[in-house]
Every structure is written in structure tokens, then in C-alpha cells.
Amino acid sequence: MRTSKGKLMILPVLTALAEPTRLNAMRILSDGQEHCVCELMTKLGVTQSRMSRHMKVLTQAGLLTARRDAQWVRYRLDPKIEPRDQGGARGRARRGPRIGKGNRMTTETHDQGTPRGTL
């Protein structure tokens, strides 16, 4: 789903990616190529009907585009998604959190004596 300005709405995206099979499908589709449902269902070990349902959720969230090819539907990442949306978090996850010079993660005491993590 997109806003009137064409931006992705975060709640449907997070809901779509919260399911492990859909997240794994997105990993496969992150290569930028088209993949048919038959290929995705084989790689992920799910039935055709379940895979189609997962792809529908991802498409409705605005993450994928679909193209019918005879009896199969081929999916790919929506080209309207900017590259920073596709790989930004994935790249940071490999490198770890960004902490600026002089900043460090600390634990301090809140007013009532309970620890609170801060940056």
C-alpha cells in the first residue's frame, strides 16, 4: 500500500515481512530477477496455494510486482522501491550498529533506580 505521495505505508510492509516464509521469499527476490511461483514454492517448501497467498500479501503491501506468464505468475521487487529501501538495513545489519565518534552505548540509572539503555 502506498500513500497519496507514492510512499510505502510502514504497517502493511512490516506485517507482510513478519512472516518467515514471506521474508525468505523477499530474500530470494532481492536479486532483482523475476521468479515464478513454482520456483519459490520449491525453494521454500510450501504448496502452490500457500505461496500464491504469501505473494498476494507482499504485492498488496507494495513490495512486489506481478506478471502473468501462461499458467504461472512471475514476481519481482517493485521497481518503484528506491535502492536505499531495498538494501539499507540489510547492509547495516552486517556491519553492526552505527555509533558516531565519541558516542557509545551505556546503561544509566533512571530516577527510580531502574536501568535504561541509551545511545
Protein backbone atom coordinates (compact mmCIF):
# COMPACT_ATOMS: atom_id res chain seq x y z
CA MET A 1 0.00 0.00 0.00
CA ARG A 2 1.19 3.49 -0.81
CA THR A 3 0.30 6.94 0.44
CA SER A 4 -1.06 9.62 -1.88
CA LYS A 5 2.56 10.72 -2.46
CA GLY A 6 3.58 7.21 -3.56
CA LYS A 7 5.46 6.31 -0.35
CA LEU A 8 5.10 2.84 1.15
CA MET A 9 2.97 2.63 4.28
CA ILE A 10 5.05 1.06 7.04
CA LEU A 11 2.45 -1.05 8.87
CA PRO A 12 1.45 -3.23 5.86
CA VAL A 13 5.14 -3.65 4.97
CA LEU A 14 6.11 -4.75 8.48
CA THR A 15 3.09 -7.05 8.70
CA ALA A 16 4.00 -8.63 5.36
CA LEU A 17 7.64 -9.15 6.35
CA ALA A 18 6.82 -10.52 9.82
CA GLU A 19 6.03 -13.98 8.43
CA PRO A 20 9.17 -16.12 7.88
CA THR A 21 8.11 -17.59 4.51
CA ARG A 22 7.40 -14.13 3.09
CA LEU A 23 10.68 -12.80 4.44
CA ASN A 24 12.55 -15.70 2.83
CA ALA A 25 10.71 -15.08 -0.45
CA MET A 26 11.87 -11.45 -0.31
CA ARG A 27 15.45 -12.65 0.19
CA ILE A 28 15.16 -14.75 -2.97
CA LEU A 29 13.58 -11.86 -4.89
CA SER A 30 16.24 -9.42 -3.70
CA ASP A 31 18.46 -10.49 -6.61
CA GLY A 32 16.34 -8.21 -8.82
CA GLN A 33 15.24 -11.00 -11.17
CA GLU A 34 11.75 -12.33 -11.87
CA HIS A 35 10.86 -15.58 -10.13
CA CYS A 36 7.83 -17.73 -10.81
CA VAL A 37 5.68 -19.14 -8.03
CA CYS A 38 6.79 -22.67 -8.98
CA GLU A 39 10.43 -21.75 -8.27
CA LEU A 40 9.63 -20.00 -5.00
CA MET A 41 7.45 -22.84 -3.71
CA THR A 42 10.18 -25.38 -4.47
CA LYS A 43 12.91 -23.35 -2.76
CA LEU A 44 10.74 -22.58 0.28
CA GLY A 45 8.98 -25.94 0.58
CA VAL A 46 5.40 -24.68 0.53
CA THR A 47 2.37 -25.55 -1.57
CA GLN A 48 1.34 -23.53 -4.62
CA SER A 49 -1.77 -22.14 -2.96
CA ARG A 50 0.13 -21.05 0.15
CA MET A 51 2.92 -19.46 -1.92
CA SER A 52 0.38 -17.57 -4.03
CA ARG A 53 -1.27 -16.29 -0.86
CA HIS A 54 2.08 -15.09 0.51
CA MET A 55 2.87 -13.33 -2.77
CA LYS A 56 -0.52 -11.63 -2.71
CA VAL A 57 0.22 -10.19 0.75
CA LEU A 58 3.64 -8.91 -0.38
CA THR A 59 2.12 -7.41 -3.55
CA GLN A 60 -0.66 -5.69 -1.61
CA ALA A 61 1.97 -4.23 0.74
CA GLY A 62 3.56 -2.59 -2.32
CA LEU A 63 6.76 -4.63 -2.26
CA LEU A 64 6.31 -6.72 -5.42
CA THR A 65 5.01 -6.51 -8.95
CA ALA A 66 3.42 -9.49 -10.69
CA ARG A 67 3.31 -10.58 -14.32
CA ARG A 68 1.21 -13.46 -15.59
CA ASP A 69 3.11 -15.91 -17.81
CA ALA A 70 0.71 -18.58 -19.13
CA GLN A 71 -0.32 -20.60 -16.07
CA TRP A 72 2.27 -19.10 -13.69
CA VAL A 73 2.71 -15.68 -12.17
CA ARG A 74 6.19 -14.18 -12.07
CA TYR A 75 7.14 -11.82 -9.26
CA ARG A 76 9.91 -9.31 -8.74
CA LEU A 77 10.63 -6.45 -6.38
CA ASP A 78 8.64 -3.34 -7.25
CA PRO A 79 10.99 -1.12 -9.29
CA LYS A 80 9.45 1.95 -7.60
CA ILE A 81 11.20 0.96 -4.37
CA GLU A 82 14.33 3.07 -4.09
CA PRO A 83 17.65 1.23 -3.62
CA ARG A 84 18.07 2.61 -0.08
CA ASP A 85 14.72 1.00 0.82
CA GLN A 86 15.84 -2.36 -0.57
CA GLY A 87 19.29 -2.68 0.96
CA GLY A 88 19.89 -0.04 3.59
CA ALA A 89 19.00 -2.05 6.68
CA ARG A 90 20.49 -5.24 5.28
CA GLY A 91 23.87 -3.56 4.79
CA ARG A 92 23.86 -2.04 8.29
CA ALA A 93 22.95 -5.38 9.86
CA ARG A 94 26.17 -6.91 8.53
CA ARG A 95 28.31 -4.03 9.75
CA GLY A 96 26.60 -3.64 13.10
CA PRO A 97 25.05 -0.53 14.61
CA ARG A 98 26.31 2.89 13.65
CA ILE A 99 27.81 4.70 16.59
CA GLY A 100 29.27 8.14 15.96
CA LYS A 101 32.68 9.26 17.19
CA GLY A 102 32.62 9.77 20.94
CA ASN A 103 29.25 8.02 21.30
CA ARG A 104 28.93 4.66 22.97
CA MET A 105 26.16 2.50 24.27
CA THR A 106 25.81 2.86 28.02
CA THR A 107 23.45 1.81 30.75
CA GLU A 108 22.39 4.54 33.11
CA THR A 109 20.06 4.62 36.08
CA HIS A 110 16.61 6.11 35.69
CA ASP A 111 15.14 8.25 38.50
CA GLN A 112 13.65 5.22 40.27
CA GLY A 113 16.87 3.24 40.06
CA THR A 114 15.87 1.09 37.09
CA PRO A 115 18.49 0.67 34.33
CA ARG A 116 17.77 2.29 30.99
CA GLY A 117 19.84 1.75 27.82
CA THR A 118 20.82 4.85 25.90
CA LEU A 119 22.98 5.80 22.98
